[in-house]
Amino acid sequence: MKLSSKWMQLAALAVLVAVLPLFFPSGYYYRVGALIFVNGLAVTGLVILIGYAGQISLGHAGFAGIGGYACALAPAHLGLPPSLSILLGAVISAVLAVLIGKPILRLRGYYLAVATLGFGILVSMVLTNERALTGGPDGMAVQGLALRKILRGWGWKLSSGEFWYILSALAMLVGVWIALNLFQSATGRAMRALHGSEVAARTVGIDVARLKLQAFVISAVYASVAGSLLALQNQFVTPDIAGFMHSIEMVTMAVLGGVGSVLGAVTGSAILTLLPQVLTVFAEYEQLVLGLVMILVMIFLPRGLLPSIAAKLKGRGE
């Protein structure tokens, strides 16, 4: 990826984010856009873990749950403002990722997948069963960000949907920028070498264990921040945020868009966030149609939607 290519991708994404509201027929679409950006941020972290380093995780929703509940519990019990609660959730997620990553990242293939799945299920169970602290399955309220009130005092009168659209977009763009920079760095090149072959990577002196752990920690922080933003946006959080299906949804978004592509992650997030909205006309057949669409994409575009389309267009150009 050339330097100009990185900035072109980032600029194209920023322009798209800025132009989209011009076509929104109602304020509801600001909420949908914000949800796409939050999902895009979480999935960008998975691209670093899966697409760059070649490590699978089926429990990343657990980190999203930690981030979400940090924004619910820290203001209520520690008196922290929600903005600092986001940071607290990210730090806790990073520390946990280090602690569990060291042993489980020694595993490979489906053993690693099952181990990460176990972590996600454990977090979900704790959030569900600790009723006195987390509210149990019913969830708990989350204190809103004071930033919107501050902006209103400065004369920026944004609706709730507009505020979260802008904030979520900025968070996603920062996450994309970091991921694109990582791709070009020496660490990113080493991660991709690790993805190609662990044995070959070790042969040329790459610290495989350290790189795996780095990718796991970075992706955990991405998921945690995304979970915090989702909880703050909804001003409510339930254990579903850490559930198994949320983890599968995140991985599916990454694979659908193109697991090796940062823009593919955003594309997959947009598709899987928008499709359920579009497919409501099929009523009880919504999940069936959604599954069929995903199967067809994987059959005819096996590298993911964006990389496969880019490859086909490049082939025609030649």
C-alpha atoms as a PDB file:
ATOM      1  CA  MET A   1       0.000   0.000   0.000  1.00  0.00           C
ATOM      2  CA  LYS A   2       1.611   3.255  -1.108  1.00  0.00           C
ATOM      3  CA  LEU A   3       1.470   6.396   1.025  1.00  0.00           C
ATOM      4  CA  SER A   4      -0.766   8.156  -1.501  1.00  0.00           C
ATOM      5  CA  SER A   5      -3.093   5.131  -1.551  1.00  0.00           C
ATOM      6  CA  LYS A   6      -3.502   5.307   2.233  1.00  0.00           C
ATOM      7  CA  TRP A   7      -4.486   8.971   2.162  1.00  0.00           C
ATOM      8  CA  MET A   8      -6.740   8.424  -0.860  1.00  0.00           C
ATOM      9  CA  GLN A   9      -8.639   5.689   0.980  1.00  0.00           C
ATOM     10  CA  LEU A  10      -8.984   7.813   4.097  1.00  0.00           C
ATOM     11  CA  ALA A  11     -10.035  10.877   2.109  1.00  0.00           C
ATOM     12  CA  ALA A  12     -12.597   8.887   0.093  1.00  0.00           C
ATOM     13  CA  LEU A  13     -14.110   7.499   3.297  1.00  0.00           C
ATOM     14  CA  ALA A  14     -14.194  10.967   4.918  1.00  0.00           C
ATOM     15  CA  VAL A  15     -15.900  12.483   1.865  1.00  0.00           C
ATOM     16  CA  LEU A  16     -18.474   9.698   1.812  1.00  0.00           C
ATOM     17  CA  VAL A  17     -19.226  10.242   5.505  1.00  0.00           C
ATOM     18  CA  ALA A  18     -19.624  14.007   4.929  1.00  0.00           C
ATOM     19  CA  VAL A  19     -21.812  13.674   1.826  1.00  0.00           C
ATOM     20  CA  LEU A  20     -24.192  10.916   2.966  1.00  0.00           C
ATOM     21  CA  PRO A  21     -26.378  13.148   5.210  1.00  0.00           C
ATOM     22  CA  LEU A  22     -27.360  15.173   2.142  1.00  0.00           C
ATOM     23  CA  PHE A  23     -29.383  12.156   1.006  1.00  0.00           C
ATOM     24  CA  PHE A  24     -30.982  11.244   4.350  1.00  0.00           C
ATOM     25  CA  PRO A  25     -34.787  11.524   4.099  1.00  0.00           C
ATOM     26  CA  SER A  26     -35.190  11.665   7.884  1.00  0.00           C
ATOM     27  CA  GLY A  27     -33.226  11.886  11.146  1.00  0.00           C
ATOM     28  CA  TYR A  28     -33.565   8.118  11.622  1.00  0.00           C
ATOM     29  CA  TYR A  29     -30.781   7.521   9.110  1.00  0.00           C
ATOM     30  CA  TYR A  30     -28.305   9.420  11.275  1.00  0.00           C
ATOM     31  CA  ARG A  31     -28.823   6.684  13.870  1.00  0.00           C
ATOM     32  CA  VAL A  32     -28.295   3.958  11.262  1.00  0.00           C
ATOM     33  CA  GLY A  33     -25.148   5.720  10.041  1.00  0.00           C
ATOM     34  CA  ALA A  34     -23.796   5.991  13.583  1.00  0.00           C
ATOM     35  CA  LEU A  35     -24.395   2.264  14.111  1.00  0.00           C
ATOM     36  CA  ILE A  36     -22.527   1.471  10.890  1.00  0.00           C
ATOM     37  CA  PHE A  37     -19.552   3.544  12.046  1.00  0.00           C
ATOM     38  CA  VAL A  38     -19.474   1.906  15.485  1.00  0.00           C
ATOM     39  CA  ASN A  39     -19.579  -1.547  13.871  1.00  0.00           C
ATOM     40  CA  GLY A  40     -16.951  -0.413  11.373  1.00  0.00           C
ATOM     41  CA  LEU A  41     -14.624   0.571  14.212  1.00  0.00           C
ATOM     42  CA  ALA A  42     -14.983  -2.816  15.941  1.00  0.00           C
ATOM     43  CA  VAL A  43     -14.520  -4.749  12.694  1.00  0.00           C
ATOM     44  CA  THR A  44     -11.443  -2.696  11.745  1.00  0.00           C
ATOM     45  CA  GLY A  45      -9.869  -4.102  14.899  1.00  0.00           C
ATOM     46  CA  LEU A  46     -10.712  -7.618  13.711  1.00  0.00           C
ATOM     47  CA  VAL A  47      -9.052  -6.878  10.357  1.00  0.00           C
ATOM     48  CA  ILE A  48      -5.830  -6.187  12.280  1.00  0.00           C
ATOM     49  CA  LEU A  49      -6.168  -9.471  14.176  1.00  0.00           C
ATOM     50  CA  ILE A  50      -7.509 -11.747  11.426  1.00  0.00           C
ATOM     51  CA  GLY A  51      -6.487 -10.029   8.190  1.00  0.00           C
ATOM     52  CA  TYR A  52      -3.037  -8.816   9.232  1.00  0.00           C
ATOM     53  CA  ALA A  53      -1.871 -11.335  11.847  1.00  0.00           C
ATOM     54  CA  GLY A  54      -3.954 -14.331  10.746  1.00  0.00           C
ATOM     55  CA  GLN A  55      -5.411 -15.064  14.213  1.00  0.00           C
ATOM     56  CA  ILE A  56      -9.110 -15.872  14.711  1.00  0.00           C
ATOM     57  CA  SER A  57     -11.328 -14.698  17.561  1.00  0.00           C
ATOM     58  CA  LEU A  58     -14.927 -15.708  18.196  1.00  0.00           C
ATOM     59  CA  GLY A  59     -15.171 -13.883  21.511  1.00  0.00           C
ATOM     60  CA  HIS A  60     -14.412 -10.266  20.689  1.00  0.00           C
ATOM     61  CA  ALA A  61     -17.883  -9.178  21.722  1.00  0.00           C
ATOM     62  CA  GLY A  62     -16.645  -9.811  25.264  1.00  0.00           C
ATOM     63  CA  PHE A  63     -14.353  -6.785  24.937  1.00  0.00           C
ATOM     64  CA  ALA A  64     -17.243  -4.747  23.529  1.00  0.00           C
ATOM     65  CA  GLY A  65     -19.228  -5.761  26.612  1.00  0.00           C
ATOM     66  CA  ILE A  66     -16.404  -4.622  28.896  1.00  0.00           C
ATOM     67  CA  GLY A  67     -16.311  -1.246  27.154  1.00  0.00           C
ATOM     68  CA  GLY A  68     -20.089  -0.873  27.274  1.00  0.00           C
ATOM     69  CA  TYR A  69     -20.432  -1.775  30.945  1.00  0.00           C
ATOM     70  CA  ALA A  70     -17.445   0.398  31.887  1.00  0.00           C
ATOM     71  CA  CYS A  71     -19.490   3.378  30.692  1.00  0.00           C
ATOM     72  CA  ALA A  72     -22.456   2.188  32.755  1.00  0.00           C
ATOM     73  CA  LEU A  73     -20.678   1.202  35.979  1.00  0.00           C
ATOM     74  CA  ALA A  74     -17.819   3.703  36.272  1.00  0.00           C
ATOM     75  CA  PRO A  75     -20.005   6.851  36.409  1.00  0.00           C
ATOM     76  CA  ALA A  76     -22.466   5.150  38.798  1.00  0.00           C
ATOM     77  CA  HIS A  77     -19.943   3.615  41.229  1.00  0.00           C
ATOM     78  CA  LEU A  78     -16.694   5.543  40.738  1.00  0.00           C
ATOM     79  CA  GLY A  79     -18.023   8.947  39.780  1.00  0.00           C
ATOM     80  CA  LEU A  80     -16.009   8.993  36.555  1.00  0.00           C
ATOM     81  CA  PRO A  81     -17.366  11.007  33.617  1.00  0.00           C
ATOM     82  CA  PRO A  82     -18.418   8.877  30.609  1.00  0.00           C
ATOM     83  CA  SER A  83     -15.504  10.159  28.505  1.00  0.00           C
ATOM     84  CA  LEU A  84     -12.984   8.786  31.026  1.00  0.00           C
ATOM     85  CA  SER A  85     -15.060   5.612  31.337  1.00  0.00           C
ATOM     86  CA  ILE A  86     -14.324   4.909  27.661  1.00  0.00           C
ATOM     87  CA  LEU A  87     -10.616   5.082  28.474  1.00  0.00           C
ATOM     88  CA  LEU A  88     -11.076   2.893  31.565  1.00  0.00           C
ATOM     89  CA  GLY A  89     -12.891   0.248  29.522  1.00  0.00           C
ATOM     90  CA  ALA A  90     -10.121   0.299  26.906  1.00  0.00           C
ATOM     91  CA  VAL A  91      -7.423  -0.108  29.578  1.00  0.00           C
ATOM     92  CA  ILE A  92      -9.269  -2.998  31.265  1.00  0.00           C
ATOM     93  CA  SER A  93      -9.772  -4.679  27.881  1.00  0.00           C
ATOM     94  CA  ALA A  94      -6.098  -4.253  26.994  1.00  0.00           C
ATOM     95  CA  VAL A  95      -4.957  -5.714  30.326  1.00  0.00           C
ATOM     96  CA  LEU A  96      -7.350  -8.662  29.994  1.00  0.00           C
ATOM     97  CA  ALA A  97      -6.221  -9.201  26.400  1.00  0.00           C
ATOM     98  CA  VAL A  98      -2.611  -9.436  27.615  1.00  0.00           C
ATOM     99  CA  LEU A  99      -3.514 -11.823  30.440  1.00  0.00           C
ATOM    100  CA  ILE A 100      -5.609 -14.212  28.362  1.00  0.00           C
ATOM    101  CA  GLY A 101      -3.738 -13.665  25.108  1.00  0.00           C
ATOM    102  CA  LYS A 102      -0.418 -15.036  26.340  1.00  0.00           C
ATOM    103  CA  PRO A 103      -1.746 -18.574  26.947  1.00  0.00           C
ATOM    104  CA  ILE A 104      -4.478 -18.874  24.297  1.00  0.00           C
ATOM    105  CA  LEU A 105      -2.487 -17.406  21.393  1.00  0.00           C
ATOM    106  CA  ARG A 106      -0.193 -20.432  21.640  1.00  0.00           C
ATOM    107  CA  LEU A 107      -3.097 -22.362  20.164  1.00  0.00           C
ATOM    108  CA  ARG A 108      -3.894 -22.517  16.461  1.00  0.00           C
ATOM    109  CA  GLY A 109      -6.884 -23.034  14.196  1.00  0.00           C
ATOM    110  CA  TYR A 110     -10.131 -24.172  15.753  1.00  0.00           C
ATOM    111  CA  TYR A 111      -8.459 -24.620  19.165  1.00  0.00           C
ATOM    112  CA  LEU A 112      -7.804 -20.864  19.209  1.00  0.00           C
ATOM    113  CA  ALA A 113     -11.340 -20.173  17.994  1.00  0.00           C
ATOM    114  CA  VAL A 114     -12.842 -22.266  20.807  1.00  0.00           C
ATOM    115  CA  ALA A 115     -10.600 -20.627  23.427  1.00  0.00           C
ATOM    116  CA  THR A 116     -11.620 -17.111  22.386  1.00  0.00           C
ATOM    117  CA  LEU A 117     -15.240 -18.248  22.209  1.00  0.00           C
ATOM    118  CA  GLY A 118     -14.945 -19.394  25.823  1.00  0.00           C
ATOM    119  CA  PHE A 119     -13.723 -15.961  26.883  1.00  0.00           C
ATOM    120  CA  GLY A 120     -16.675 -14.245  25.213  1.00  0.00           C
ATOM    121  CA  ILE A 121     -19.171 -16.643  26.794  1.00  0.00           C
ATOM    122  CA  LEU A 122     -17.557 -16.127  30.215  1.00  0.00           C
ATOM    123  CA  VAL A 123     -17.891 -12.339  29.996  1.00  0.00           C
ATOM    124  CA  SER A 124     -21.499 -12.651  28.854  1.00  0.00           C
ATOM    125  CA  MET A 125     -22.309 -15.013  31.750  1.00  0.00           C
ATOM    126  CA  VAL A 126     -20.758 -12.678  34.321  1.00  0.00           C
ATOM    127  CA  LEU A 127     -22.708  -9.697  32.972  1.00  0.00           C
ATOM    128  CA  THR A 128     -25.929 -11.738  32.989  1.00  0.00           C
ATOM    129  CA  ASN A 129     -25.589 -13.317  36.424  1.00  0.00           C
ATOM    130  CA  GLU A 130     -24.210 -10.420  38.478  1.00  0.00           C
ATOM    131  CA  ARG A 131     -27.637  -8.812  38.838  1.00  0.00           C
ATOM    132  CA  ALA A 132     -26.712  -6.624  41.804  1.00  0.00           C
ATOM    133  CA  LEU A 133     -23.935  -4.964  39.825  1.00  0.00           C
ATOM    134  CA  THR A 134     -24.973  -5.120  36.160  1.00  0.00           C
ATOM    135  CA  GLY A 135     -28.758  -5.376  36.330  1.00  0.00           C
ATOM    136  CA  GLY A 136     -28.665  -8.919  34.944  1.00  0.00           C
ATOM    137  CA  PRO A 137     -30.418  -9.731  31.654  1.00  0.00           C
ATOM    138  CA  ASP A 138     -32.458  -6.524  31.904  1.00  0.00           C
ATOM    139  CA  GLY A 139     -29.315  -4.414  31.571  1.00  0.00           C
ATOM    140  CA  MET A 140     -28.782  -0.965  33.018  1.00  0.00           C
ATOM    141  CA  ALA A 141     -28.964   2.704  32.089  1.00  0.00           C
ATOM    142  CA  VAL A 142     -25.872   4.549  30.841  1.00  0.00           C
ATOM    143  CA  GLN A 143     -25.163   8.178  31.629  1.00  0.00           C
ATOM    144  CA  GLY A 144     -25.062  10.374  28.520  1.00  0.00           C
ATOM    145  CA  LEU A 145     -22.013  12.285  27.299  1.00  0.00           C
ATOM    146  CA  ALA A 146     -21.812  15.897  28.422  1.00  0.00           C
ATOM    147  CA  LEU A 147     -20.076  16.843  25.163  1.00  0.00           C
ATOM    148  CA  ARG A 148     -23.346  17.503  23.357  1.00  0.00           C
ATOM    149  CA  LYS A 149     -24.406  20.013  26.020  1.00  0.00           C
ATOM    150  CA  ILE A 150     -21.006  21.699  25.777  1.00  0.00           C
ATOM    151  CA  LEU A 151     -21.357  21.992  22.003  1.00  0.00           C
ATOM    152  CA  ARG A 152     -24.845  23.393  22.430  1.00  0.00           C
ATOM    153  CA  GLY A 153     -23.401  26.046  24.748  1.00  0.00           C
ATOM    154  CA  TRP A 154     -20.998  26.977  21.962  1.00  0.00           C
ATOM    155  CA  GLY A 155     -23.917  27.408  19.562  1.00  0.00           C
ATOM    156  CA  TRP A 156     -23.754  23.999  17.854  1.00  0.00           C
ATOM    157  CA  LYS A 157     -27.335  22.802  18.184  1.00  0.00           C
ATOM    158  CA  LEU A 158     -27.102  19.210  17.008  1.00  0.00           C
ATOM    159  CA  SER A 159     -29.858  16.639  17.314  1.00  0.00           C
ATOM    160  CA  SER A 160     -29.006  13.404  19.107  1.00  0.00           C
ATOM    161  CA  GLY A 161     -28.764  11.548  15.792  1.00  0.00           C
ATOM    162  CA  GLU A 162     -26.506  14.187  14.209  1.00  0.00           C
ATOM    163  CA  PHE A 163     -24.238  14.301  17.256  1.00  0.00           C
ATOM    164  CA  TRP A 164     -23.714  10.548  17.340  1.00  0.00           C
ATOM    165  CA  TYR A 165     -23.299  10.367  13.562  1.00  0.00           C
ATOM    166  CA  ILE A 166     -20.420  12.873  13.743  1.00  0.00           C
ATOM    167  CA  LEU A 167     -18.792  11.420  16.866  1.00  0.00           C
ATOM    168  CA  SER A 168     -19.014   7.812  15.653  1.00  0.00           C
ATOM    169  CA  ALA A 169     -17.692   8.799  12.226  1.00  0.00           C
ATOM    170  CA  LEU A 170     -14.706  10.582  13.784  1.00  0.00           C
ATOM    171  CA  ALA A 171     -13.943   7.556  15.977  1.00  0.00           C
ATOM    172  CA  MET A 172     -14.131   5.223  12.984  1.00  0.00           C
ATOM    173  CA  LEU A 173     -11.941   7.480  10.822  1.00  0.00           C
ATOM    174  CA  VAL A 174      -9.285   7.623  13.553  1.00  0.00           C
ATOM    175  CA  GLY A 175      -9.448   3.818  13.838  1.00  0.00           C
ATOM    176  CA  VAL A 176      -9.128   3.416  10.064  1.00  0.00           C
ATOM    177  CA  TRP A 177      -6.208   5.851   9.968  1.00  0.00           C
ATOM    178  CA  ILE A 178      -4.372   3.897  12.684  1.00  0.00           C
ATOM    179  CA  ALA A 179      -5.022   0.577  10.894  1.00  0.00           C
ATOM    180  CA  LEU A 180      -3.805   1.934   7.540  1.00  0.00           C
ATOM    181  CA  ASN A 181      -0.661   3.317   9.189  1.00  0.00           C
ATOM    182  CA  LEU A 182      -0.076  -0.010  10.913  1.00  0.00           C
ATOM    183  CA  PHE A 183      -0.388  -1.793   7.556  1.00  0.00           C
ATOM    184  CA  GLN A 184       2.553   0.217   6.177  1.00  0.00           C
ATOM    185  CA  SER A 185       4.717   0.007   9.295  1.00  0.00           C
ATOM    186  CA  ALA A 186       7.429  -2.539  10.048  1.00  0.00           C
ATOM    187  CA  THR A 187       5.097  -4.116  12.617  1.00  0.00           C
ATOM    188  CA  GLY A 188       2.339  -4.411  10.013  1.00  0.00           C
ATOM    189  CA  ARG A 189       4.681  -6.051   7.517  1.00  0.00           C
ATOM    190  CA  ALA A 190       5.831  -8.481  10.204  1.00  0.00           C
ATOM    191  CA  MET A 191       2.187  -9.310  11.039  1.00  0.00           C
ATOM    192  CA  ARG A 192       1.463 -10.067   7.405  1.00  0.00           C
ATOM    193  CA  ALA A 193       4.557 -12.264   7.253  1.00  0.00           C
ATOM    194  CA  LEU A 194       3.222 -14.082  10.318  1.00  0.00           C
ATOM    195  CA  HIS A 195      -0.119 -14.501   8.538  1.00  0.00           C
ATOM    196  CA  GLY A 196       1.650 -16.079   5.567  1.00  0.00           C
ATOM    197  CA  SER A 197       3.689 -18.576   7.599  1.00  0.00           C
ATOM    198  CA  GLU A 198       4.610 -18.679  11.282  1.00  0.00           C
ATOM    199  CA  VAL A 199       7.585 -20.933  10.547  1.00  0.00           C
ATOM    200  CA  ALA A 200       8.949 -18.586   7.877  1.00  0.00           C
ATOM    201  CA  ALA A 201       8.368 -15.582  10.147  1.00  0.00           C
ATOM    202  CA  ARG A 202      10.362 -17.210  12.958  1.00  0.00           C
ATOM    203  CA  THR A 203      13.113 -18.111  10.508  1.00  0.00           C
ATOM    204  CA  VAL A 204      13.714 -14.447   9.623  1.00  0.00           C
ATOM    205  CA  GLY A 205      13.807 -13.442  13.291  1.00  0.00           C
ATOM    206  CA  ILE A 206      10.244 -12.202  13.854  1.00  0.00           C
ATOM    207  CA  ASP A 207       8.993 -12.503  17.443  1.00  0.00           C
ATOM    208  CA  VAL A 208       5.802 -14.396  16.614  1.00  0.00           C
ATOM    209  CA  ALA A 209       4.382 -14.526  20.154  1.00  0.00           C
ATOM    210  CA  ARG A 210       4.844 -10.776  20.681  1.00  0.00           C
ATOM    211  CA  LEU A 211       3.212  -9.884  17.360  1.00  0.00           C
ATOM    212  CA  LYS A 212       0.216 -12.132  18.004  1.00  0.00           C
ATOM    213  CA  LEU A 213      -0.269 -10.518  21.398  1.00  0.00           C
ATOM    214  CA  GLN A 214       0.075  -7.015  19.964  1.00  0.00           C
ATOM    215  CA  ALA A 215      -2.587  -7.693  17.335  1.00  0.00           C
ATOM    216  CA  PHE A 216      -4.895  -9.232  19.940  1.00  0.00           C
ATOM    217  CA  VAL A 217      -4.526  -6.281  22.341  1.00  0.00           C
ATOM    218  CA  ILE A 218      -5.035  -3.669  19.616  1.00  0.00           C
ATOM    219  CA  SER A 219      -8.164  -5.391  18.327  1.00  0.00           C
ATOM    220  CA  ALA A 220      -9.488  -5.719  21.899  1.00  0.00           C
ATOM    221  CA  VAL A 221      -9.131  -1.957  22.420  1.00  0.00           C
ATOM    222  CA  TYR A 222     -10.980  -1.294  19.150  1.00  0.00           C
ATOM    223  CA  ALA A 223     -13.843  -3.548  20.271  1.00  0.00           C
ATOM    224  CA  SER A 224     -13.947  -1.958  23.721  1.00  0.00           C
ATOM    225  CA  VAL A 225     -14.173   1.600  22.392  1.00  0.00           C
ATOM    226  CA  ALA A 226     -16.876   0.519  19.923  1.00  0.00           C
ATOM    227  CA  GLY A 227     -18.834  -1.095  22.766  1.00  0.00           C
ATOM    228  CA  SER A 228     -18.523   2.088  24.838  1.00  0.00           C
ATOM    229  CA  LEU A 229     -19.789   4.242  21.979  1.00  0.00           C
ATOM    230  CA  LEU A 230     -22.710   1.891  21.385  1.00  0.00           C
ATOM    231  CA  ALA A 231     -23.718   1.969  25.061  1.00  0.00           C
ATOM    232  CA  LEU A 232     -23.399   5.752  25.266  1.00  0.00           C
ATOM    233  CA  GLN A 233     -25.376   6.209  22.070  1.00  0.00           C
ATOM    234  CA  ASN A 234     -28.242   4.028  23.302  1.00  0.00           C
ATOM    235  CA  GLN A 235     -27.875   5.243  26.918  1.00  0.00           C
ATOM    236  CA  PHE A 236     -28.559   1.640  27.861  1.00  0.00           C
ATOM    237  CA  VAL A 237     -26.604  -1.598  27.783  1.00  0.00           C
ATOM    238  CA  THR A 238     -27.534  -5.281  28.152  1.00  0.00           C
ATOM    239  CA  PRO A 239     -25.416  -8.481  28.240  1.00  0.00           C
ATOM    240  CA  ASP A 240     -26.342  -9.052  24.570  1.00  0.00           C
ATOM    241  CA  ILE A 241     -23.504  -6.690  23.669  1.00  0.00           C
ATOM    242  CA  ALA A 242     -21.079  -9.411  24.828  1.00  0.00           C
ATOM    243  CA  GLY A 243     -23.097 -12.315  23.428  1.00  0.00           C
ATOM    244  CA  PHE A 244     -21.907 -15.033  21.073  1.00  0.00           C
ATOM    245  CA  MET A 245     -24.083 -13.799  18.210  1.00  0.00           C
ATOM    246  CA  HIS A 246     -22.522 -10.347  18.420  1.00  0.00           C
ATOM    247  CA  SER A 247     -19.059 -11.921  18.070  1.00  0.00           C
ATOM    248  CA  ILE A 248     -20.209 -13.925  15.046  1.00  0.00           C
ATOM    249  CA  GLU A 249     -21.772 -10.821  13.547  1.00  0.00           C
ATOM    250  CA  MET A 250     -18.480  -8.933  13.859  1.00  0.00           C
ATOM    251  CA  VAL A 251     -16.467 -11.732  12.236  1.00  0.00           C
ATOM    252  CA  THR A 252     -19.074 -12.049   9.465  1.00  0.00           C
ATOM    253  CA  MET A 253     -18.828  -8.329   8.725  1.00  0.00           C
ATOM    254  CA  ALA A 254     -15.046  -8.632   8.411  1.00  0.00           C
ATOM    255  CA  VAL A 255     -15.189 -11.696   6.149  1.00  0.00           C
ATOM    256  CA  LEU A 256     -18.048 -10.342   4.027  1.00  0.00           C
ATOM    257  CA  GLY A 257     -16.343  -7.038   3.273  1.00  0.00           C
ATOM    258  CA  GLY A 258     -12.854  -8.517   2.911  1.00  0.00           C
ATOM    259  CA  VAL A 259     -10.937  -9.565   5.994  1.00  0.00           C
ATOM    260  CA  GLY A 260      -7.624  -8.240   4.695  1.00  0.00           C
ATOM    261  CA  SER A 261      -8.999  -4.831   3.779  1.00  0.00           C
ATOM    262  CA  VAL A 262      -9.706  -1.952   6.181  1.00  0.00           C
ATOM    263  CA  LEU A 263     -12.212  -0.389   3.788  1.00  0.00           C
ATOM    264  CA  GLY A 264     -13.655  -3.870   3.338  1.00  0.00           C
ATOM    265  CA  ALA A 265     -14.361  -3.942   7.067  1.00  0.00           C
ATOM    266  CA  VAL A 266     -16.352  -0.727   6.777  1.00  0.00           C
ATOM    267  CA  THR A 267     -18.151  -2.073   3.699  1.00  0.00           C
ATOM    268  CA  GLY A 268     -19.075  -5.322   5.442  1.00  0.00           C
ATOM    269  CA  SER A 269     -20.286  -3.369   8.472  1.00  0.00           C
ATOM    270  CA  ALA A 270     -22.472  -1.175   6.270  1.00  0.00           C
ATOM    271  CA  ILE A 271     -23.973  -4.138   4.421  1.00  0.00           C
ATOM    272  CA  LEU A 272     -24.786  -6.237   7.494  1.00  0.00           C
ATOM    273  CA  THR A 273     -26.155  -3.205   9.342  1.00  0.00           C
ATOM    274  CA  LEU A 274     -28.329  -2.058   6.438  1.00  0.00           C
ATOM    275  CA  LEU A 275     -29.538  -5.434   5.121  1.00  0.00           C
ATOM    276  CA  PRO A 276     -31.806  -6.226   8.089  1.00  0.00           C
ATOM    277  CA  GLN A 277     -33.388  -2.774   7.632  1.00  0.00           C
ATOM    278  CA  VAL A 278     -34.012  -3.479   3.928  1.00  0.00           C
ATOM    279  CA  LEU A 279     -35.147  -7.080   4.384  1.00  0.00           C
ATOM    280  CA  THR A 280     -37.933  -6.291   6.856  1.00  0.00           C
ATOM    281  CA  VAL A 281     -40.331  -6.541   3.886  1.00  0.00           C
ATOM    282  CA  PHE A 282     -39.708 -10.309   3.942  1.00  0.00           C
ATOM    283  CA  ALA A 283     -41.076 -10.510   7.507  1.00  0.00           C
ATOM    284  CA  GLU A 284     -40.337 -13.966   8.985  1.00  0.00           C
ATOM    285  CA  TYR A 285     -38.096 -14.869   6.009  1.00  0.00           C
ATOM    286  CA  GLU A 286     -35.692 -11.997   6.748  1.00  0.00           C
ATOM    287  CA  GLN A 287     -32.954 -14.188   8.298  1.00  0.00           C
ATOM    288  CA  LEU A 288     -33.298 -16.755   5.504  1.00  0.00           C
ATOM    289  CA  VAL A 289     -32.801 -14.131   2.791  1.00  0.00           C
ATOM    290  CA  LEU A 290     -29.912 -12.561   4.700  1.00  0.00           C
ATOM    291  CA  GLY A 291     -28.188 -15.947   4.971  1.00  0.00           C
ATOM    292  CA  LEU A 292     -28.752 -16.620   1.261  1.00  0.00           C
ATOM    293  CA  VAL A 293     -27.212 -13.273   0.295  1.00  0.00           C
ATOM    294  CA  MET A 294     -24.148 -14.016   2.421  1.00  0.00           C
ATOM    295  CA  ILE A 295     -23.738 -17.519   0.942  1.00  0.00           C
ATOM    296  CA  LEU A 296     -23.890 -16.132  -2.607  1.00  0.00           C
ATOM    297  CA  VAL A 297     -21.305 -13.471  -1.809  1.00  0.00           C
ATOM    298  CA  MET A 298     -18.939 -16.060  -0.316  1.00  0.00           C
ATOM    299  CA  ILE A 299     -19.365 -18.383  -3.335  1.00  0.00           C
ATOM    300  CA  PHE A 300     -18.877 -15.784  -6.057  1.00  0.00           C
ATOM    301  CA  LEU A 301     -16.670 -13.299  -4.160  1.00  0.00           C
ATOM    302  CA  PRO A 302     -14.581 -15.560  -1.873  1.00  0.00           C
ATOM    303  CA  ARG A 303     -11.994 -12.902  -0.974  1.00  0.00           C
ATOM    304  CA  GLY A 304     -14.728 -10.640   0.351  1.00  0.00           C
ATOM    305  CA  LEU A 305     -16.849  -8.080  -1.400  1.00  0.00           C
ATOM    306  CA  LEU A 306     -14.449  -5.154  -1.776  1.00  0.00           C
ATOM    307  CA  PRO A 307     -11.192  -7.017  -2.626  1.00  0.00           C
ATOM    308  CA  SER A 308     -13.011  -9.276  -5.123  1.00  0.00           C
ATOM    309  CA  ILE A 309     -14.651  -6.343  -6.907  1.00  0.00           C
ATOM    310  CA  ALA A 310     -11.333  -4.426  -6.939  1.00  0.00           C
ATOM    311  CA  ALA A 311      -9.535  -7.471  -8.400  1.00  0.00           C
ATOM    312  CA  LYS A 312     -12.164  -7.879 -11.137  1.00  0.00           C
ATOM    313  CA  LEU A 313     -11.979  -4.202 -12.058  1.00  0.00           C
ATOM    314  CA  LYS A 314      -8.168  -4.337 -12.114  1.00  0.00           C
ATOM    315  CA  GLY A 315      -8.304  -7.407 -14.386  1.00  0.00           C
ATOM    316  CA  ARG A 316     -10.589  -5.610 -16.842  1.00  0.00           C
ATOM    317  CA  GLY A 317      -8.312  -2.576 -16.801  1.00  0.00           C
ATOM    318  CA  GLU A 318      -5.365  -4.699 -17.828  1.00  0.00           C
END
